[in-house]
């Protein structure tokens, strides 16, 4: 079964996402603005994105939708993440990437 590439930013929406490869993910608001971009290793996709839900360890405020792009390796995912952060400057990426 192929997981989906986007879903609502809630437990139910996150649970159906593809998780068999490393991913770059974007959490967007209801207008499609990128609020936060991150990476998750294969098998950790669901758990990592759930860490951004309200009340979780690393919450992203205002998220409405999550989109993922599968990558062949975690290194490629990290390179893609860096490019997205540099070009889109998501307001909640604050670790100086």
C-alpha atoms as a PDB file:
ATOM      1  CA  UNK A   1       0.000   0.000   0.000  1.00  0.00           C
ATOM      2  CA  UNK A   2       1.319   3.407  -0.942  1.00  0.00           C
ATOM      3  CA  UNK A   3       0.879   6.062   1.722  1.00  0.00           C
ATOM      4  CA  UNK A   4      -0.502   9.453   0.880  1.00  0.00           C
ATOM      5  CA  UNK A   5       1.611  12.499   0.278  1.00  0.00           C
ATOM      6  CA  UNK A   6      -0.527  14.979   2.197  1.00  0.00           C
ATOM      7  CA  UNK A   7      -3.103  15.051   4.931  1.00  0.00           C
ATOM      8  CA  UNK A   8      -4.736  17.208   7.528  1.00  0.00           C
ATOM      9  CA  UNK A   9      -2.460  18.299  10.370  1.00  0.00           C
ATOM     10  CA  UNK A  10      -4.051  16.120  13.031  1.00  0.00           C
ATOM     11  CA  UNK A  11      -3.536  12.570  14.306  1.00  0.00           C
ATOM     12  CA  UNK A  12      -5.892  11.047  11.742  1.00  0.00           C
ATOM     13  CA  UNK A  13      -4.342  12.920   8.782  1.00  0.00           C
ATOM     14  CA  UNK A  14      -0.794  12.088   9.862  1.00  0.00           C
ATOM     15  CA  UNK A  15      -1.458   8.373  10.347  1.00  0.00           C
ATOM     16  CA  UNK A  16      -2.109   7.741   6.653  1.00  0.00           C
ATOM     17  CA  UNK A  17       1.124   9.295   5.382  1.00  0.00           C
ATOM     18  CA  UNK A  18       3.728   7.236   3.522  1.00  0.00           C
ATOM     19  CA  UNK A  19       6.423   6.037   5.905  1.00  0.00           C
ATOM     20  CA  UNK A  20       8.523   3.501   3.999  1.00  0.00           C
ATOM     21  CA  UNK A  21      11.200   6.051   2.965  1.00  0.00           C
ATOM     22  CA  UNK A  22      12.825   9.117   4.523  1.00  0.00           C
ATOM     23  CA  UNK A  23      10.757  12.250   3.921  1.00  0.00           C
ATOM     24  CA  UNK A  24      10.892  16.003   3.872  1.00  0.00           C
ATOM     25  CA  UNK A  25       7.694  17.405   5.316  1.00  0.00           C
ATOM     26  CA  UNK A  26       6.066  20.812   5.292  1.00  0.00           C
ATOM     27  CA  UNK A  27       3.417  21.920   7.742  1.00  0.00           C
ATOM     28  CA  UNK A  28       1.210  24.544   6.112  1.00  0.00           C
ATOM     29  CA  UNK A  29      -1.540  26.840   7.313  1.00  0.00           C
ATOM     30  CA  UNK A  30      -5.041  26.850   5.819  1.00  0.00           C
ATOM     31  CA  UNK A  31      -3.854  29.193   3.025  1.00  0.00           C
ATOM     32  CA  UNK A  32      -0.987  26.892   1.991  1.00  0.00           C
ATOM     33  CA  UNK A  33       1.797  28.985   3.558  1.00  0.00           C
ATOM     34  CA  UNK A  34       4.739  26.853   4.711  1.00  0.00           C
ATOM     35  CA  UNK A  35       5.048  27.277   8.499  1.00  0.00           C
ATOM     36  CA  UNK A  36       7.683  24.622   9.179  1.00  0.00           C
ATOM     37  CA  UNK A  37       9.843  22.200   7.193  1.00  0.00           C
ATOM     38  CA  UNK A  38      11.553  19.145   8.624  1.00  0.00           C
ATOM     39  CA  UNK A  39      12.853  15.670   7.857  1.00  0.00           C
ATOM     40  CA  UNK A  40      11.946  12.269   9.210  1.00  0.00           C
ATOM     41  CA  UNK A  41      13.751   8.962   8.866  1.00  0.00           C
ATOM     42  CA  UNK A  42      12.076   5.931   7.368  1.00  0.00           C
ATOM     43  CA  UNK A  43       9.750   4.428   9.942  1.00  0.00           C
ATOM     44  CA  UNK A  44       9.700   7.626  12.054  1.00  0.00           C
ATOM     45  CA  UNK A  45       7.535   9.776   9.777  1.00  0.00           C
ATOM     46  CA  UNK A  46       4.318   9.520  11.757  1.00  0.00           C
ATOM     47  CA  UNK A  47       5.967   9.872  15.178  1.00  0.00           C
ATOM     48  CA  UNK A  48       8.095  12.849  14.109  1.00  0.00           C
ATOM     49  CA  UNK A  49       5.212  14.824  12.617  1.00  0.00           C
ATOM     50  CA  UNK A  50       3.013  14.075  15.645  1.00  0.00           C
ATOM     51  CA  UNK A  51       5.682  15.823  17.770  1.00  0.00           C
ATOM     52  CA  UNK A  52       4.506  19.060  16.114  1.00  0.00           C
ATOM     53  CA  UNK A  53       0.830  18.754  17.083  1.00  0.00           C
ATOM     54  CA  UNK A  54      -0.529  21.264  19.641  1.00  0.00           C
ATOM     55  CA  UNK A  55       0.508  20.235  23.139  1.00  0.00           C
ATOM     56  CA  UNK A  56       3.290  17.939  21.888  1.00  0.00           C
ATOM     57  CA  UNK A  57       7.057  18.301  22.393  1.00  0.00           C
ATOM     58  CA  UNK A  58       7.769  20.623  19.438  1.00  0.00           C
ATOM     59  CA  UNK A  59       4.431  22.218  18.436  1.00  0.00           C
ATOM     60  CA  UNK A  60       3.892  24.135  15.192  1.00  0.00           C
ATOM     61  CA  UNK A  61       1.254  26.819  15.667  1.00  0.00           C
ATOM     62  CA  UNK A  62      -1.436  27.339  13.043  1.00  0.00           C
ATOM     63  CA  UNK A  63      -0.818  24.159  11.058  1.00  0.00           C
ATOM     64  CA  UNK A  64      -3.720  22.895   8.941  1.00  0.00           C
ATOM     65  CA  UNK A  65      -2.086  20.503   6.469  1.00  0.00           C
ATOM     66  CA  UNK A  66       1.051  18.419   6.215  1.00  0.00           C
ATOM     67  CA  UNK A  67       2.737  17.519   2.905  1.00  0.00           C
ATOM     68  CA  UNK A  68       5.560  15.050   2.442  1.00  0.00           C
ATOM     69  CA  UNK A  69       8.070  14.281  -0.289  1.00  0.00           C
ATOM     70  CA  UNK A  70       9.691  10.865  -0.125  1.00  0.00           C
ATOM     71  CA  UNK A  71      13.455  10.742  -0.687  1.00  0.00           C
ATOM     72  CA  UNK A  72      15.786   7.802  -1.413  1.00  0.00           C
ATOM     73  CA  UNK A  73      18.042   8.598   1.591  1.00  0.00           C
ATOM     74  CA  UNK A  74      18.068  10.726   4.741  1.00  0.00           C
ATOM     75  CA  UNK A  75      21.003  12.726   3.286  1.00  0.00           C
ATOM     76  CA  UNK A  76      18.933  13.673   0.243  1.00  0.00           C
ATOM     77  CA  UNK A  77      16.023  14.553   2.548  1.00  0.00           C
ATOM     78  CA  UNK A  78      18.273  16.863   4.604  1.00  0.00           C
ATOM     79  CA  UNK A  79      19.606  18.583   1.468  1.00  0.00           C
ATOM     80  CA  UNK A  80      16.060  19.131   0.214  1.00  0.00           C
ATOM     81  CA  UNK A  81      15.011  20.437   3.650  1.00  0.00           C
ATOM     82  CA  UNK A  82      17.870  22.968   3.615  1.00  0.00           C
ATOM     83  CA  UNK A  83      16.894  24.188   0.119  1.00  0.00           C
ATOM     84  CA  UNK A  84      13.227  24.598   1.099  1.00  0.00           C
ATOM     85  CA  UNK A  85      14.093  26.468   4.308  1.00  0.00           C
ATOM     86  CA  UNK A  86      16.493  28.755   2.434  1.00  0.00           C
ATOM     87  CA  UNK A  87      13.988  29.592  -0.319  1.00  0.00           C
ATOM     88  CA  UNK A  88      10.675  29.661   1.619  1.00  0.00           C
ATOM     89  CA  UNK A  89      11.939  30.812   5.060  1.00  0.00           C
ATOM     90  CA  UNK A  90       9.205  29.092   7.101  1.00  0.00           C
ATOM     91  CA  UNK A  91       8.586  31.283  10.184  1.00  0.00           C
ATOM     92  CA  UNK A  92       8.732  28.422  12.690  1.00  0.00           C
ATOM     93  CA  UNK A  93      12.100  27.024  11.547  1.00  0.00           C
ATOM     94  CA  UNK A  94      14.244  28.825  14.078  1.00  0.00           C
ATOM     95  CA  UNK A  95      17.306  26.659  14.540  1.00  0.00           C
ATOM     96  CA  UNK A  96      19.276  28.796  12.095  1.00  0.00           C
ATOM     97  CA  UNK A  97      19.189  26.358   9.189  1.00  0.00           C
END
